[in-house]
């Protein structure tokens, strides 16, 4: 019975990851392609989408490995990378200013 719960959790996280990456990628492509969206508001949205992709890529695969395979250890380099991605996500999400990626 526990194995079935693990599979459902794995499938759920996998779909969350795919939807997050595809949705944010589509949003970023639309902002890049449409010149009318090259305003500070949409540059901030672009940066939030980029940091969301980075954060999801840093966290969700590690959670899947830890939960499904029972691996509770993480390499030091991966830990630092996850810390950097999460802190970047928090900084971009909470700050009022943004760095222009599109210019």
N, C-alpha and C. Protein backbone atom coordinates (compact mmCIF):
# COMPACT_ATOMS: atom_id res chain seq x y z
N UNK A 1 0.82 -1.20 0.00
CA UNK A 1 0.00 0.00 0.00
C UNK A 1 0.87 1.26 0.00
N UNK A 2 1.99 1.24 0.69
CA UNK A 2 2.88 2.40 0.73
C UNK A 2 3.52 2.66 -0.63
N UNK A 3 3.78 1.59 -1.38
CA UNK A 3 4.39 1.76 -2.70
C UNK A 3 3.46 2.51 -3.63
N UNK A 4 2.16 2.26 -3.55
CA UNK A 4 1.19 2.97 -4.38
C UNK A 4 1.18 4.46 -4.07
N UNK A 5 1.29 4.82 -2.80
CA UNK A 5 1.33 6.24 -2.43
C UNK A 5 2.58 6.90 -2.98
N UNK A 6 3.70 6.21 -2.95
CA UNK A 6 4.94 6.77 -3.47
C UNK A 6 4.85 7.00 -4.97
N UNK A 7 4.24 6.10 -5.68
CA UNK A 7 4.08 6.27 -7.13
C UNK A 7 3.19 7.46 -7.44
N UNK A 8 2.09 7.62 -6.70
CA UNK A 8 1.20 8.76 -6.93
C UNK A 8 1.90 10.08 -6.63
N UNK A 9 2.69 10.11 -5.58
CA UNK A 9 3.44 11.32 -5.23
C UNK A 9 4.48 11.62 -6.31
N UNK A 10 5.16 10.61 -6.79
CA UNK A 10 6.15 10.77 -7.85
C UNK A 10 5.50 11.31 -9.12
N UNK A 11 4.38 10.75 -9.50
CA UNK A 11 3.67 11.20 -10.71
C UNK A 11 3.19 12.64 -10.54
N UNK A 12 2.67 12.97 -9.37
CA UNK A 12 2.20 14.32 -9.10
C UNK A 12 3.35 15.33 -9.22
N UNK A 13 4.48 15.05 -8.58
CA UNK A 13 5.61 15.97 -8.65
C UNK A 13 6.17 16.08 -10.07
N UNK A 14 6.15 14.97 -10.80
CA UNK A 14 6.61 15.00 -12.18
C UNK A 14 5.74 15.92 -13.02
N UNK A 15 4.42 15.82 -12.89
CA UNK A 15 3.53 16.69 -13.65
C UNK A 15 3.63 18.14 -13.21
N UNK A 16 3.80 18.39 -11.93
CA UNK A 16 4.00 19.75 -11.45
C UNK A 16 5.26 20.35 -12.07
N UNK A 17 6.31 19.57 -12.12
CA UNK A 17 7.57 20.05 -12.70
C UNK A 17 7.40 20.34 -14.19
N UNK A 18 6.80 19.43 -14.93
CA UNK A 18 6.62 19.62 -16.38
C UNK A 18 5.74 20.84 -16.66
N UNK A 19 4.64 20.97 -15.94
CA UNK A 19 3.74 22.11 -16.15
C UNK A 19 4.44 23.42 -15.80
N UNK A 20 5.22 23.42 -14.73
CA UNK A 20 5.95 24.63 -14.34
C UNK A 20 6.95 25.04 -15.41
N UNK A 21 7.73 24.10 -15.88
CA UNK A 21 8.75 24.43 -16.89
C UNK A 21 8.10 24.84 -18.21
N UNK A 22 7.11 24.11 -18.67
CA UNK A 22 6.47 24.45 -19.94
C UNK A 22 5.72 25.78 -19.86
N UNK A 23 4.98 26.00 -18.78
CA UNK A 23 4.22 27.25 -18.62
C UNK A 23 5.12 28.46 -18.55
N UNK A 24 6.16 28.38 -17.74
CA UNK A 24 7.07 29.51 -17.62
C UNK A 24 7.88 29.72 -18.90
N UNK A 25 8.25 28.65 -19.57
CA UNK A 25 8.97 28.78 -20.84
C UNK A 25 8.09 29.46 -21.89
N UNK A 26 6.84 29.06 -21.96
CA UNK A 26 5.91 29.69 -22.90
C UNK A 26 5.75 31.17 -22.59
N UNK A 27 5.61 31.51 -21.33
CA UNK A 27 5.48 32.91 -20.92
C UNK A 27 6.72 33.71 -21.30
N UNK A 28 7.89 33.13 -21.09
CA UNK A 28 9.13 33.82 -21.44
C UNK A 28 9.26 34.02 -22.95
N UNK A 29 8.87 33.01 -23.73
CA UNK A 29 8.94 33.12 -25.19
C UNK A 29 7.99 34.20 -25.69
N UNK A 30 6.78 34.26 -25.13
CA UNK A 30 5.82 35.28 -25.55
C UNK A 30 6.37 36.68 -25.24
N UNK A 31 6.97 36.85 -24.08
CA UNK A 31 7.53 38.15 -23.72
C UNK A 31 8.70 38.52 -24.63
N UNK A 32 9.52 37.55 -24.99
CA UNK A 32 10.65 37.83 -25.88
C UNK A 32 10.18 38.17 -27.29
N UNK A 33 9.21 37.44 -27.80
CA UNK A 33 8.76 37.61 -29.19
C UNK A 33 7.98 38.90 -29.40
N UNK A 34 7.09 39.24 -28.49
CA UNK A 34 6.24 40.42 -28.64
C UNK A 34 6.97 41.66 -28.13
N UNK A 35 7.31 42.56 -29.03
CA UNK A 35 8.04 43.77 -28.67
C UNK A 35 7.22 44.70 -27.77
N UNK A 36 5.91 44.63 -27.83
CA UNK A 36 5.06 45.48 -26.99
C UNK A 36 5.17 45.11 -25.52
N UNK A 37 5.67 43.92 -25.23
CA UNK A 37 5.80 43.47 -23.84
C UNK A 37 7.17 43.77 -23.25
N UNK A 38 7.99 44.54 -23.93
CA UNK A 38 9.31 44.89 -23.41
C UNK A 38 9.23 46.14 -22.54
N UNK A 39 8.40 46.07 -21.53
CA UNK A 39 8.24 47.14 -20.55
C UNK A 39 8.74 46.63 -19.20
N UNK A 40 9.00 47.54 -18.27
CA UNK A 40 9.52 47.09 -16.96
C UNK A 40 8.63 46.06 -16.25
N UNK A 41 7.33 46.18 -16.40
CA UNK A 41 6.43 45.23 -15.74
C UNK A 41 6.64 43.82 -16.28
N UNK A 42 6.73 43.69 -17.58
CA UNK A 42 6.89 42.36 -18.17
C UNK A 42 8.32 41.84 -18.06
N UNK A 43 9.28 42.74 -17.93
CA UNK A 43 10.64 42.30 -17.66
C UNK A 43 10.70 41.67 -16.27
N UNK A 44 9.98 42.26 -15.32
CA UNK A 44 9.90 41.67 -13.98
C UNK A 44 9.20 40.31 -14.03
N UNK A 45 8.14 40.20 -14.82
CA UNK A 45 7.44 38.91 -14.97
C UNK A 45 8.38 37.89 -15.60
N UNK A 46 9.15 38.30 -16.60
CA UNK A 46 10.13 37.42 -17.24
C UNK A 46 11.14 36.91 -16.21
N UNK A 47 11.66 37.82 -15.38
CA UNK A 47 12.63 37.42 -14.37
C UNK A 47 12.02 36.47 -13.34
N UNK A 48 10.78 36.69 -12.95
CA UNK A 48 10.11 35.78 -12.02
C UNK A 48 9.92 34.40 -12.64
N UNK A 49 9.56 34.35 -13.92
CA UNK A 49 9.41 33.07 -14.60
C UNK A 49 10.75 32.34 -14.69
N UNK A 50 11.80 33.07 -14.97
CA UNK A 50 13.13 32.48 -15.05
C UNK A 50 13.57 31.91 -13.70
N UNK A 51 13.37 32.67 -12.64
CA UNK A 51 13.76 32.18 -11.31
C UNK A 51 12.87 31.03 -10.86
N UNK A 52 11.61 31.01 -11.29
CA UNK A 52 10.74 29.89 -10.95
C UNK A 52 11.21 28.61 -11.63
N UNK A 53 11.65 28.71 -12.88
CA UNK A 53 12.20 27.54 -13.57
C UNK A 53 13.47 27.06 -12.86
N UNK A 54 14.32 27.99 -12.49
CA UNK A 54 15.57 27.61 -11.80
C UNK A 54 15.27 26.96 -10.46
N UNK A 55 14.34 27.52 -9.72
CA UNK A 55 14.00 26.97 -8.41
C UNK A 55 13.38 25.58 -8.54
N UNK A 56 12.48 25.43 -9.49
CA UNK A 56 11.85 24.12 -9.69
C UNK A 56 12.86 23.08 -10.14
N UNK A 57 13.78 23.48 -10.99
CA UNK A 57 14.80 22.56 -11.46
C UNK A 57 15.77 22.17 -10.35
N UNK A 58 15.98 23.05 -9.40
CA UNK A 58 16.89 22.74 -8.30
C UNK A 58 16.24 21.89 -7.23
N UNK A 59 14.95 22.06 -6.98
CA UNK A 59 14.31 21.42 -5.84
C UNK A 59 13.58 20.12 -6.19
N UNK A 60 12.73 20.14 -7.20
CA UNK A 60 11.83 19.01 -7.45
C UNK A 60 12.58 17.72 -7.79
N UNK A 61 13.58 17.72 -8.68
CA UNK A 61 14.28 16.44 -8.93
C UNK A 61 14.93 15.85 -7.67
N UNK A 62 15.46 16.72 -6.81
CA UNK A 62 16.07 16.22 -5.58
C UNK A 62 15.01 15.65 -4.64
N UNK A 63 13.83 16.28 -4.58
CA UNK A 63 12.75 15.74 -3.77
C UNK A 63 12.29 14.39 -4.29
N UNK A 64 12.20 14.25 -5.60
CA UNK A 64 11.81 12.98 -6.18
C UNK A 64 12.80 11.88 -5.84
N UNK A 65 14.07 12.18 -5.95
CA UNK A 65 15.09 11.18 -5.62
C UNK A 65 15.04 10.80 -4.15
N UNK A 66 14.87 11.79 -3.29
CA UNK A 66 14.84 11.51 -1.85
C UNK A 66 13.61 10.70 -1.47
N UNK A 67 12.47 11.03 -2.07
CA UNK A 67 11.23 10.37 -1.67
C UNK A 67 11.08 8.99 -2.30
N UNK A 68 11.33 8.89 -3.59
CA UNK A 68 11.08 7.63 -4.28
C UNK A 68 12.17 6.60 -4.00
N UNK A 69 13.43 7.02 -4.05
CA UNK A 69 14.53 6.07 -3.88
C UNK A 69 15.05 5.99 -2.45
N UNK A 70 14.53 6.83 -1.57
CA UNK A 70 14.94 6.79 -0.18
C UNK A 70 16.33 7.33 0.07
N UNK A 71 16.86 8.08 -0.88
CA UNK A 71 18.19 8.65 -0.73
C UNK A 71 18.08 9.94 0.07
N UNK A 72 18.53 9.92 1.31
CA UNK A 72 18.42 11.09 2.17
C UNK A 72 19.68 11.95 2.18
N UNK A 73 20.65 11.62 1.36
CA UNK A 73 21.91 12.36 1.32
C UNK A 73 21.97 13.23 0.07
N UNK A 74 22.67 14.35 0.18
CA UNK A 74 22.85 15.24 -0.95
C UNK A 74 24.32 15.66 -0.97
N UNK A 75 24.88 15.73 -2.16
CA UNK A 75 26.26 16.18 -2.30
C UNK A 75 26.38 17.66 -1.93
N UNK A 76 27.55 18.03 -1.46
CA UNK A 76 27.77 19.41 -1.03
C UNK A 76 27.53 20.40 -2.18
N UNK A 77 28.03 20.08 -3.36
CA UNK A 77 27.85 20.96 -4.52
C UNK A 77 26.39 21.15 -4.88
N UNK A 78 25.61 20.07 -4.82
CA UNK A 78 24.18 20.17 -5.09
C UNK A 78 23.47 20.99 -4.02
N UNK A 79 23.90 20.85 -2.79
CA UNK A 79 23.31 21.61 -1.69
C UNK A 79 23.55 23.11 -1.90
N UNK A 80 24.76 23.47 -2.27
CA UNK A 80 25.09 24.88 -2.51
C UNK A 80 24.31 25.40 -3.72
N UNK A 81 24.18 24.58 -4.77
CA UNK A 81 23.42 24.98 -5.95
C UNK A 81 21.96 25.22 -5.61
N UNK A 82 21.38 24.31 -4.82
CA UNK A 82 19.98 24.50 -4.40
C UNK A 82 19.84 25.75 -3.54
N UNK A 83 20.78 26.00 -2.66
CA UNK A 83 20.75 27.19 -1.82
C UNK A 83 20.81 28.45 -2.67
N UNK A 84 21.68 28.46 -3.66
CA UNK A 84 21.80 29.61 -4.56
C UNK A 84 20.51 29.83 -5.35
N UNK A 85 19.94 28.75 -5.88
CA UNK A 85 18.71 28.87 -6.67
C UNK A 85 17.55 29.36 -5.81
N UNK A 86 17.44 28.83 -4.61
CA UNK A 86 16.34 29.25 -3.73
C UNK A 86 16.52 30.69 -3.27
N UNK A 87 17.73 31.08 -2.93
CA UNK A 87 17.94 32.46 -2.49
C UNK A 87 17.72 33.44 -3.64
N UNK A 88 18.11 33.06 -4.85
CA UNK A 88 17.85 33.90 -6.01
C UNK A 88 16.36 34.04 -6.25
N UNK A 89 15.64 32.94 -6.13
CA UNK A 89 14.18 32.98 -6.31
C UNK A 89 13.54 33.88 -5.27
N UNK A 90 13.94 33.76 -4.03
CA UNK A 90 13.37 34.59 -2.97
C UNK A 90 13.72 36.06 -3.20
N UNK A 91 14.95 36.34 -3.58
CA UNK A 91 15.35 37.73 -3.82
C UNK A 91 14.59 38.35 -4.97
N UNK A 92 14.43 37.63 -6.08
CA UNK A 92 13.68 38.17 -7.21
C UNK A 92 12.19 38.28 -6.90
N UNK A 93 11.67 37.34 -6.15
CA UNK A 93 10.25 37.36 -5.85
C UNK A 93 9.87 38.46 -4.87
N UNK A 94 10.77 38.76 -3.95
CA UNK A 94 10.40 39.71 -2.90
C UNK A 94 10.89 41.13 -3.16
N UNK A 95 11.78 41.32 -4.10
CA UNK A 95 12.31 42.67 -4.31
C UNK A 95 11.42 43.44 -5.28
N UNK A 96 11.43 44.74 -5.12
CA UNK A 96 10.65 45.59 -6.01
C UNK A 96 11.36 45.89 -7.30
N UNK A 97 12.67 45.75 -7.31
CA UNK A 97 13.43 46.01 -8.52
C UNK A 97 13.77 44.70 -9.22
N UNK A 98 14.08 44.80 -10.49
CA UNK A 98 14.45 43.61 -11.24
C UNK A 98 15.59 43.94 -12.18
N UNK A 99 16.33 42.93 -12.52
CA UNK A 99 17.43 43.08 -13.47
C UNK A 99 16.88 42.82 -14.85
N UNK A 100 17.22 43.64 -15.80
CA UNK A 100 16.70 43.49 -17.15
C UNK A 100 17.46 42.40 -17.88
N UNK A 101 16.74 41.37 -18.29
CA UNK A 101 17.33 40.29 -19.06
C UNK A 101 17.13 40.53 -20.55
N UNK A 102 16.12 41.26 -20.89
CA UNK A 102 15.74 41.42 -22.29
C UNK A 102 16.52 42.52 -23.02
N UNK A 103 17.23 43.38 -22.32
CA UNK A 103 17.86 44.50 -22.99
C UNK A 103 19.12 44.12 -23.67
